[in-house]
Amino acid sequence: MIPVSPVMPGSEDIEMVFGKNQPQYIPLPAVYLDQPNRPVITRWRFTNEERAAIADGADIVHTSLTFWHDLQPICLQVCFPNDDPNLEHTL
């Protein structure tokens, strides 16, 4: 998977990039939303090989580094490139 921009249609002006100018990291475009729980949204695109593997029954595995703190809530979604994610879970 690769991180992609825009994170949400028209969000380019409010995007920030985690890992920018840090060659040890893949730059990660992200949008913080101005909501009480301060969600951060990123968008990822599957490679053709990953799409084929998923279509063939492969699973998606998510890993969270907690650094010995509680696990934070997450929400994985499937969105087409020009669609906004469903933000109901962020309210």
PDB file of N, CA and C in Angstrom:
ATOM      1  N   MET A   1       0.839  -1.170   0.000  1.00  0.00           N
ATOM      2  CA  MET A   1       0.000   0.000   0.000  1.00  0.00           C
ATOM      3  C   MET A   1       0.884   1.233   0.000  1.00  0.00           C
ATOM      4  N   ILE A   2       0.351   2.257  -0.584  1.00  0.00           N
ATOM      5  CA  ILE A   2       1.078   3.521  -0.586  1.00  0.00           C
ATOM      6  C   ILE A   2       0.150   4.633  -0.095  1.00  0.00           C
ATOM      7  N   PRO A   3       0.674   5.576   0.689  1.00  0.00           N
ATOM      8  CA  PRO A   3      -0.151   6.710   1.107  1.00  0.00           C
ATOM      9  C   PRO A   3      -0.374   7.643  -0.074  1.00  0.00           C
ATOM     10  N   VAL A   4      -1.576   8.219  -0.146  1.00  0.00           N
ATOM     11  CA  VAL A   4      -1.897   9.089  -1.276  1.00  0.00           C
ATOM     12  C   VAL A   4      -2.502  10.406  -0.810  1.00  0.00           C
ATOM     13  N   SER A   5      -2.378  11.395  -1.694  1.00  0.00           N
ATOM     14  CA  SER A   5      -2.961  12.714  -1.505  1.00  0.00           C
ATOM     15  C   SER A   5      -3.747  13.041  -2.772  1.00  0.00           C
ATOM     16  N   PRO A   6      -4.891  13.674  -2.686  1.00  0.00           N
ATOM     17  CA  PRO A   6      -5.459  14.249  -1.475  1.00  0.00           C
ATOM     18  C   PRO A   6      -6.072  13.191  -0.575  1.00  0.00           C
ATOM     19  N   VAL A   7      -5.993  13.444   0.720  1.00  0.00           N
ATOM     20  CA  VAL A   7      -6.575  12.538   1.699  1.00  0.00           C
ATOM     21  C   VAL A   7      -8.095  12.537   1.558  1.00  0.00           C
ATOM     22  N   MET A   8      -8.654  13.728   1.362  1.00  0.00           N
ATOM     23  CA  MET A   8     -10.076  13.901   1.068  1.00  0.00           C
ATOM     24  C   MET A   8     -10.155  14.862  -0.111  1.00  0.00           C
ATOM     25  N   PRO A   9     -11.144  14.716  -0.985  1.00  0.00           N
ATOM     26  CA  PRO A   9     -11.242  15.646  -2.116  1.00  0.00           C
ATOM     27  C   PRO A   9     -11.203  17.099  -1.645  1.00  0.00           C
ATOM     28  N   GLY A  10     -10.281  17.871  -2.214  1.00  0.00           N
ATOM     29  CA  GLY A  10     -10.152  19.284  -1.874  1.00  0.00           C
ATOM     30  C   GLY A  10      -9.403  19.572  -0.589  1.00  0.00           C
ATOM     31  N   SER A  11      -8.765  18.576   0.011  1.00  0.00           N
ATOM     32  CA  SER A  11      -8.099  18.788   1.307  1.00  0.00           C
ATOM     33  C   SER A  11      -6.641  19.217   1.191  1.00  0.00           C
ATOM     34  N   GLU A  12      -6.149  19.423  -0.006  1.00  0.00           N
ATOM     35  CA  GLU A  12      -4.718  19.719  -0.180  1.00  0.00           C
ATOM     36  C   GLU A  12      -4.248  20.901   0.663  1.00  0.00           C
ATOM     37  N   ASP A  13      -5.086  21.935   0.815  1.00  0.00           N
ATOM     38  CA  ASP A  13      -4.673  23.130   1.559  1.00  0.00           C
ATOM     39  C   ASP A  13      -4.540  22.898   3.060  1.00  0.00           C
ATOM     40  N   ILE A  14      -5.199  21.864   3.577  1.00  0.00           N
ATOM     41  CA  ILE A  14      -5.143  21.622   5.023  1.00  0.00           C
ATOM     42  C   ILE A  14      -4.337  20.372   5.373  1.00  0.00           C
ATOM     43  N   GLU A  15      -3.767  19.727   4.369  1.00  0.00           N
ATOM     44  CA  GLU A  15      -2.961  18.533   4.642  1.00  0.00           C
ATOM     45  C   GLU A  15      -1.626  18.896   5.266  1.00  0.00           C
ATOM     46  N   MET A  16      -1.179  18.023   6.141  1.00  0.00           N
ATOM     47  CA  MET A  16       0.185  18.090   6.649  1.00  0.00           C
ATOM     48  C   MET A  16       0.836  16.762   6.281  1.00  0.00           C
ATOM     49  N   VAL A  17       2.136  16.674   6.381  1.00  0.00           N
ATOM     50  CA  VAL A  17       2.831  15.451   5.986  1.00  0.00           C
ATOM     51  C   VAL A  17       3.714  14.982   7.134  1.00  0.00           C
ATOM     52  N   PHE A  18       3.350  13.809   7.673  1.00  0.00           N
ATOM     53  CA  PHE A  18       4.206  13.178   8.677  1.00  0.00           C
ATOM     54  C   PHE A  18       5.435  12.621   7.959  1.00  0.00           C
ATOM     55  N   GLY A  19       6.610  12.754   8.560  1.00  0.00           N
ATOM     56  CA  GLY A  19       7.828  12.191   7.999  1.00  0.00           C
ATOM     57  C   GLY A  19       8.410  12.997   6.849  1.00  0.00           C
ATOM     58  N   LYS A  20       7.897  14.206   6.632  1.00  0.00           N
ATOM     59  CA  LYS A  20       8.412  15.045   5.552  1.00  0.00           C
ATOM     60  C   LYS A  20       9.898  15.345   5.800  1.00  0.00           C
ATOM     61  N   ASN A  21      10.700  15.220   4.752  1.00  0.00           N
ATOM     62  CA  ASN A  21      12.148  15.460   4.821  1.00  0.00           C
ATOM     63  C   ASN A  21      12.849  14.539   5.825  1.00  0.00           C
ATOM     64  N   GLN A  22      12.275  13.352   6.037  1.00  0.00           N
ATOM     65  CA  GLN A  22      12.901  12.348   6.898  1.00  0.00           C
ATOM     66  C   GLN A  22      13.053  11.085   6.060  1.00  0.00           C
ATOM     67  N   PRO A  23      14.189  10.907   5.407  1.00  0.00           N
ATOM     68  CA  PRO A  23      14.347   9.821   4.438  1.00  0.00           C
ATOM     69  C   PRO A  23      14.134   8.419   5.003  1.00  0.00           C
ATOM     70  N   GLN A  24      14.192   8.257   6.317  1.00  0.00           N
ATOM     71  CA  GLN A  24      13.968   6.936   6.890  1.00  0.00           C
ATOM     72  C   GLN A  24      12.479   6.572   6.911  1.00  0.00           C
ATOM     73  N   TYR A  25      11.599   7.545   6.610  1.00  0.00           N
ATOM     74  CA  TYR A  25      10.163   7.320   6.628  1.00  0.00           C
ATOM     75  C   TYR A  25       9.554   7.579   5.254  1.00  0.00           C
ATOM     76  N   ILE A  26       8.428   6.936   4.999  1.00  0.00           N
ATOM     77  CA  ILE A  26       7.627   7.245   3.816  1.00  0.00           C
ATOM     78  C   ILE A  26       6.773   8.452   4.180  1.00  0.00           C
ATOM     79  N   PRO A  27       6.830   9.548   3.424  1.00  0.00           N
ATOM     80  CA  PRO A  27       5.992  10.704   3.749  1.00  0.00           C
ATOM     81  C   PRO A  27       4.508  10.311   3.765  1.00  0.00           C
ATOM     82  N   LEU A  28       3.800  10.741   4.807  1.00  0.00           N
ATOM     83  CA  LEU A  28       2.415  10.357   5.004  1.00  0.00           C
ATOM     84  C   LEU A  28       1.515  11.591   5.035  1.00  0.00           C
ATOM     85  N   PRO A  29       0.827  11.888   3.921  1.00  0.00           N
ATOM     86  CA  PRO A  29      -0.129  12.994   3.930  1.00  0.00           C
ATOM     87  C   PRO A  29      -1.257  12.679   4.909  1.00  0.00           C
ATOM     88  N   ALA A  30      -1.681  13.679   5.654  1.00  0.00           N
ATOM     89  CA  ALA A  30      -2.717  13.476   6.665  1.00  0.00           C
ATOM     90  C   ALA A  30      -3.517  14.760   6.847  1.00  0.00           C
ATOM     91  N   VAL A  31      -4.733  14.593   7.335  1.00  0.00           N
ATOM     92  CA  VAL A  31      -5.592  15.728   7.667  1.00  0.00           C
ATOM     93  C   VAL A  31      -6.060  15.546   9.106  1.00  0.00           C
ATOM     94  N   TYR A  32      -5.843  16.573   9.931  1.00  0.00           N
ATOM     95  CA  TYR A  32      -6.435  16.619  11.264  1.00  0.00           C
ATOM     96  C   TYR A  32      -7.789  17.308  11.131  1.00  0.00           C
ATOM     97  N   LEU A  33      -8.797  16.769  11.773  1.00  0.00           N
ATOM     98  CA  LEU A  33     -10.111  17.407  11.760  1.00  0.00           C
ATOM     99  C   LEU A  33     -10.320  18.168  13.058  1.00  0.00           C
ATOM    100  N   ASP A  34     -10.956  19.318  12.940  1.00  0.00           N
ATOM    101  CA  ASP A  34     -11.225  20.163  14.094  1.00  0.00           C
ATOM    102  C   ASP A  34     -12.495  19.671  14.779  1.00  0.00           C
ATOM    103  N   GLN A  35     -12.347  18.563  15.498  1.00  0.00           N
ATOM    104  CA  GLN A  35     -13.440  17.953  16.239  1.00  0.00           C
ATOM    105  C   GLN A  35     -12.932  17.634  17.639  1.00  0.00           C
ATOM    106  N   PRO A  36     -13.833  17.412  18.587  1.00  0.00           N
ATOM    107  CA  PRO A  36     -13.391  17.212  19.979  1.00  0.00           C
ATOM    108  C   PRO A  36     -12.352  16.103  20.163  1.00  0.00           C
ATOM    109  N   ASN A  37     -12.453  15.026  19.404  1.00  0.00           N
ATOM    110  CA  ASN A  37     -11.496  13.937  19.595  1.00  0.00           C
ATOM    111  C   ASN A  37     -10.299  14.021  18.651  1.00  0.00           C
ATOM    112  N   ARG A  38     -10.190  15.088  17.858  1.00  0.00           N
ATOM    113  CA  ARG A  38      -9.029  15.416  16.998  1.00  0.00           C
ATOM    114  C   ARG A  38      -8.585  14.240  16.125  1.00  0.00           C
ATOM    115  N   PRO A  39      -9.488  13.703  15.282  1.00  0.00           N
ATOM    116  CA  PRO A  39      -9.072  12.577  14.435  1.00  0.00           C
ATOM    117  C   PRO A  39      -8.066  13.009  13.370  1.00  0.00           C
ATOM    118  N   VAL A  40      -7.218  12.093  12.994  1.00  0.00           N
ATOM    119  CA  VAL A  40      -6.299  12.293  11.879  1.00  0.00           C
ATOM    120  C   VAL A  40      -6.663  11.255  10.820  1.00  0.00           C
ATOM    121  N   ILE A  41      -6.770  11.708   9.578  1.00  0.00           N
ATOM    122  CA  ILE A  41      -7.188  10.834   8.492  1.00  0.00           C
ATOM    123  C   ILE A  41      -6.049  10.720   7.483  1.00  0.00           C
ATOM    124  N   THR A  42      -5.783   9.498   7.051  1.00  0.00           N
ATOM    125  CA  THR A  42      -4.826   9.224   5.979  1.00  0.00           C
ATOM    126  C   THR A  42      -5.534   8.370   4.940  1.00  0.00           C
ATOM    127  N   ARG A  43      -5.017   8.347   3.735  1.00  0.00           N
ATOM    128  CA  ARG A  43      -5.599   7.539   2.657  1.00  0.00           C
ATOM    129  C   ARG A  43      -4.498   6.686   2.047  1.00  0.00           C
ATOM    130  N   TRP A  44      -4.841   5.430   1.782  1.00  0.00           N
ATOM    131  CA  TRP A  44      -3.872   4.463   1.265  1.00  0.00           C
ATOM    132  C   TRP A  44      -4.411   3.831  -0.005  1.00  0.00           C
ATOM    133  N   ARG A  45      -3.537   3.559  -0.947  1.00  0.00           N
ATOM    134  CA  ARG A  45      -3.936   2.909  -2.194  1.00  0.00           C
ATOM    135  C   ARG A  45      -3.208   1.574  -2.305  1.00  0.00           C
ATOM    136  N   PHE A  46      -3.972   0.538  -2.650  1.00  0.00           N
ATOM    137  CA  PHE A  46      -3.390  -0.785  -2.855  1.00  0.00           C
ATOM    138  C   PHE A  46      -2.671  -0.856  -4.196  1.00  0.00           C
ATOM    139  N   THR A  47      -1.589  -1.624  -4.233  1.00  0.00           N
ATOM    140  CA  THR A  47      -0.927  -1.905  -5.507  1.00  0.00           C
ATOM    141  C   THR A  47      -1.783  -2.916  -6.260  1.00  0.00           C
ATOM    142  N   ASN A  48      -1.518  -3.083  -7.545  1.00  0.00           N
ATOM    143  CA  ASN A  48      -2.255  -4.081  -8.327  1.00  0.00           C
ATOM    144  C   ASN A  48      -2.081  -5.479  -7.754  1.00  0.00           C
ATOM    145  N   GLU A  49      -0.886  -5.785  -7.270  1.00  0.00           N
ATOM    146  CA  GLU A  49      -0.631  -7.089  -6.680  1.00  0.00           C
ATOM    147  C   GLU A  49      -1.460  -7.286  -5.406  1.00  0.00           C
ATOM    148  N   GLU A  50      -1.547  -6.236  -4.590  1.00  0.00           N
ATOM    149  CA  GLU A  50      -2.344  -6.323  -3.369  1.00  0.00           C
ATOM    150  C   GLU A  50      -3.828  -6.464  -3.694  1.00  0.00           C
ATOM    151  N   ARG A  51      -4.296  -5.725  -4.706  1.00  0.00           N
ATOM    152  CA  ARG A  51      -5.699  -5.843  -5.118  1.00  0.00           C
ATOM    153  C   ARG A  51      -6.014  -7.271  -5.568  1.00  0.00           C
ATOM    154  N   ALA A  52      -5.111  -7.858  -6.327  1.00  0.00           N
ATOM    155  CA  ALA A  52      -5.318  -9.226  -6.804  1.00  0.00           C
ATOM    156  C   ALA A  52      -5.330 -10.208  -5.630  1.00  0.00           C
ATOM    157  N   ALA A  53      -4.432 -10.012  -4.677  1.00  0.00           N
ATOM    158  CA  ALA A  53      -4.379 -10.906  -3.519  1.00  0.00           C
ATOM    159  C   ALA A  53      -5.663 -10.793  -2.692  1.00  0.00           C
ATOM    160  N   ILE A  54      -6.170  -9.589  -2.497  1.00  0.00           N
ATOM    161  CA  ILE A  54      -7.408  -9.396  -1.749  1.00  0.00           C
ATOM    162  C   ILE A  54      -8.576 -10.044  -2.496  1.00  0.00           C
ATOM    163  N   ALA A  55      -8.632  -9.842  -3.800  1.00  0.00           N
ATOM    164  CA  ALA A  55      -9.690 -10.467  -4.603  1.00  0.00           C
ATOM    165  C   ALA A  55      -9.617 -11.987  -4.528  1.00  0.00           C
ATOM    166  N   ASP A  56      -8.407 -12.518  -4.309  1.00  0.00           N
ATOM    167  CA  ASP A  56      -8.204 -13.967  -4.208  1.00  0.00           C
ATOM    168  C   ASP A  56      -8.422 -14.491  -2.789  1.00  0.00           C
ATOM    169  N   GLY A  57      -8.795 -13.598  -1.871  1.00  0.00           N
ATOM    170  CA  GLY A  57      -9.115 -14.031  -0.516  1.00  0.00           C
ATOM    171  C   GLY A  57      -8.136 -13.626   0.566  1.00  0.00           C
ATOM    172  N   ALA A  58      -7.101 -12.860   0.211  1.00  0.00           N
ATOM    173  CA  ALA A  58      -6.133 -12.430   1.226  1.00  0.00           C
ATOM    174  C   ALA A  58      -6.792 -11.479   2.221  1.00  0.00           C
ATOM    175  N   ASP A  59      -6.271 -11.439   3.439  1.00  0.00           N
ATOM    176  CA  ASP A  59      -6.771 -10.550   4.483  1.00  0.00           C
ATOM    177  C   ASP A  59      -5.969  -9.257   4.521  1.00  0.00           C
ATOM    178  N   ILE A  60      -6.531  -8.253   5.157  1.00  0.00           N
ATOM    179  CA  ILE A  60      -5.822  -7.010   5.445  1.00  0.00           C
ATOM    180  C   ILE A  60      -5.451  -7.066   6.919  1.00  0.00           C
ATOM    181  N   VAL A  61      -4.200  -6.834   7.246  1.00  0.00           N
ATOM    182  CA  VAL A  61      -3.719  -6.883   8.623  1.00  0.00           C
ATOM    183  C   VAL A  61      -3.301  -5.475   9.028  1.00  0.00           C
ATOM    184  N   HIS A  62      -3.800  -5.019  10.156  1.00  0.00           N
ATOM    185  CA  HIS A  62      -3.461  -3.691  10.677  1.00  0.00           C
ATOM    186  C   HIS A  62      -2.610  -3.873  11.927  1.00  0.00           C
ATOM    187  N   THR A  63      -1.506  -3.163  12.024  1.00  0.00           N
ATOM    188  CA  THR A  63      -0.643  -3.211  13.196  1.00  0.00           C
ATOM    189  C   THR A  63      -0.597  -1.821  13.818  1.00  0.00           C
ATOM    190  N   SER A  64      -0.804  -1.737  15.124  1.00  0.00           N
ATOM    191  CA  SER A  64      -0.699  -0.468  15.848  1.00  0.00           C
ATOM    192  C   SER A  64       0.442  -0.558  16.838  1.00  0.00           C
ATOM    193  N   LEU A  65       1.328   0.417  16.809  1.00  0.00           N
ATOM    194  CA  LEU A  65       2.388   0.491  17.809  1.00  0.00           C
ATOM    195  C   LEU A  65       1.844   1.285  18.986  1.00  0.00           C
ATOM    196  N   THR A  66       1.702   0.669  20.138  1.00  0.00           N
ATOM    197  CA  THR A  66       1.088   1.333  21.282  1.00  0.00           C
ATOM    198  C   THR A  66       2.097   1.916  22.262  1.00  0.00           C
ATOM    199  N   PHE A  67       3.337   1.491  22.152  1.00  0.00           N
ATOM    200  CA  PHE A  67       4.387   1.964  23.062  1.00  0.00           C
ATOM    201  C   PHE A  67       3.942   1.839  24.515  1.00  0.00           C
ATOM    202  N   TRP A  68       3.282   0.721  24.803  1.00  0.00           N
ATOM    203  CA  TRP A  68       2.838   0.365  26.151  1.00  0.00           C
ATOM    204  C   TRP A  68       1.729   1.279  26.671  1.00  0.00           C
ATOM    205  N   HIS A  69       0.995   1.922  25.758  1.00  0.00           N
ATOM    206  CA  HIS A  69      -0.179   2.711  26.133  1.00  0.00           C
ATOM    207  C   HIS A  69      -1.416   2.001  25.601  1.00  0.00           C
ATOM    208  N   ASP A  70      -2.580   2.464  26.009  1.00  0.00           N
ATOM    209  CA  ASP A  70      -3.819   1.849  25.556  1.00  0.00           C
ATOM    210  C   ASP A  70      -3.959   1.957  24.040  1.00  0.00           C
ATOM    211  N   LEU A  71      -4.617   0.977  23.463  1.00  0.00           N
ATOM    212  CA  LEU A  71      -4.914   0.989  22.033  1.00  0.00           C
ATOM    213  C   LEU A  71      -5.936   2.087  21.737  1.00  0.00           C
ATOM    214  N   GLN A  72      -5.669   2.877  20.723  1.00  0.00           N
ATOM    215  CA  GLN A  72      -6.592   3.930  20.308  1.00  0.00           C
ATOM    216  C   GLN A  72      -7.614   3.369  19.325  1.00  0.00           C
ATOM    217  N   PRO A  73      -8.843   3.870  19.343  1.00  0.00           N
ATOM    218  CA  PRO A  73      -9.837   3.404  18.374  1.00  0.00           C
ATOM    219  C   PRO A  73      -9.391   3.718  16.947  1.00  0.00           C
ATOM    220  N   ILE A  74      -9.695   2.804  16.043  1.00  0.00           N
ATOM    221  CA  ILE A  74      -9.389   3.018  14.628  1.00  0.00           C
ATOM    222  C   ILE A  74     -10.625   2.701  13.807  1.00  0.00           C
ATOM    223  N   CYS A  75     -10.625   3.128  12.573  1.00  0.00           N
ATOM    224  CA  CYS A  75     -11.704   2.796  11.645  1.00  0.00           C
ATOM    225  C   CYS A  75     -11.089   2.616  10.266  1.00  0.00           C
ATOM    226  N   LEU A  76     -11.187   1.415   9.699  1.00  0.00           N
ATOM    227  CA  LEU A  76     -10.740   1.160   8.336  1.00  0.00           C
ATOM    228  C   LEU A  76     -11.951   1.254   7.427  1.00  0.00           C
ATOM    229  N   GLN A  77     -11.807   1.909   6.273  1.00  0.00           N
ATOM    230  CA  GLN A  77     -12.899   2.053   5.323  1.00  0.00           C
ATOM    231  C   GLN A  77     -12.404   1.788   3.919  1.00  0.00           C
ATOM    232  N   VAL A  78     -13.326   1.506   3.034  1.00  0.00           N
ATOM    233  CA  VAL A  78     -13.040   1.408   1.606  1.00  0.00           C
ATOM    234  C   VAL A  78     -13.715   2.600   0.937  1.00  0.00           C
ATOM    235  N   CYS A  79     -12.931   3.434   0.273  1.00  0.00           N
ATOM    236  CA  CYS A  79     -13.450   4.627  -0.406  1.00  0.00           C
ATOM    237  C   CYS A  79     -12.840   4.714  -1.794  1.00  0.00           C
ATOM    238  N   PHE A  80     -13.643   5.122  -2.762  1.00  0.00           N
ATOM    239  CA  PHE A  80     -13.094   5.410  -4.083  1.00  0.00           C
ATOM    240  C   PHE A  80     -12.307   6.714  -4.013  1.00  0.00           C
ATOM    241  N   PRO A  81     -11.333   6.926  -4.933  1.00  0.00           N
ATOM    242  CA  PRO A  81     -10.438   8.077  -4.837  1.00  0.00           C
ATOM    243  C   PRO A  81     -11.127   9.436  -4.708  1.00  0.00           C
ATOM    244  N   ASN A  82     -12.276   9.632  -5.323  1.00  0.00           N
ATOM    245  CA  ASN A  82     -12.937  10.938  -5.265  1.00  0.00           C
ATOM    246  C   ASN A  82     -14.010  11.026  -4.191  1.00  0.00           C
ATOM    247  N   ASP A  83     -14.084  10.022  -3.310  1.00  0.00           N
ATOM    248  CA  ASP A  83     -15.081  10.013  -2.247  1.00  0.00           C
ATOM    249  C   ASP A  83     -14.482  10.478  -0.926  1.00  0.00           C
ATOM    250  N   ASP A  84     -15.294  11.202  -0.171  1.00  0.00           N
ATOM    251  CA  ASP A  84     -14.917  11.528   1.204  1.00  0.00           C
ATOM    252  C   ASP A  84     -15.134  10.295   2.069  1.00  0.00           C
ATOM    253  N   PRO A  85     -14.305  10.086   3.084  1.00  0.00           N
ATOM    254  CA  PRO A  85     -14.567   8.990   4.014  1.00  0.00           C
ATOM    255  C   PRO A  85     -15.805   9.299   4.850  1.00  0.00           C
ATOM    256  N   ASN A  86     -16.425   8.255   5.386  1.00  0.00           N
ATOM    257  CA  ASN A  86     -17.552   8.431   6.294  1.00  0.00           C
ATOM    258  C   ASN A  86     -16.978   8.894   7.630  1.00  0.00           C
ATOM    259  N   LEU A  87     -17.369  10.078   8.067  1.00  0.00           N
ATOM    260  CA  LEU A  87     -16.772  10.657   9.275  1.00  0.00           C
ATOM    261  C   LEU A  87     -17.656  10.491  10.499  1.00  0.00           C
ATOM    262  N   GLU A  88     -18.730   9.713  10.413  1.00  0.00           N
ATOM    263  CA  GLU A  88     -19.623   9.536  11.569  1.00  0.00           C
ATOM    264  C   GLU A  88     -18.885   9.029  12.789  1.00  0.00           C
ATOM    265  N   HIS A  89     -17.889   8.176  12.585  1.00  0.00           N
ATOM    266  CA  HIS A  89     -17.155   7.592  13.717  1.00  0.00           C
ATOM    267  C   HIS A  89     -16.256   8.598  14.406  1.00  0.00           C
ATOM    268  N   THR A  90     -16.032   9.774  13.796  1.00  0.00           N
ATOM    269  CA  THR A  90     -15.111  10.749  14.379  1.00  0.00           C
ATOM    270  C   THR A  90     -15.812  11.759  15.264  1.00  0.00           C
ATOM    271  N   LEU A  91     -17.111  11.736  15.306  1.00  0.00           N
ATOM    272  CA  LEU A  91     -17.849  12.747  16.080  1.00  0.00           C
ATOM    273  C   LEU A  91     -17.898  12.407  17.542  1.00  0.00           C
TER     274      LEU A  91
END
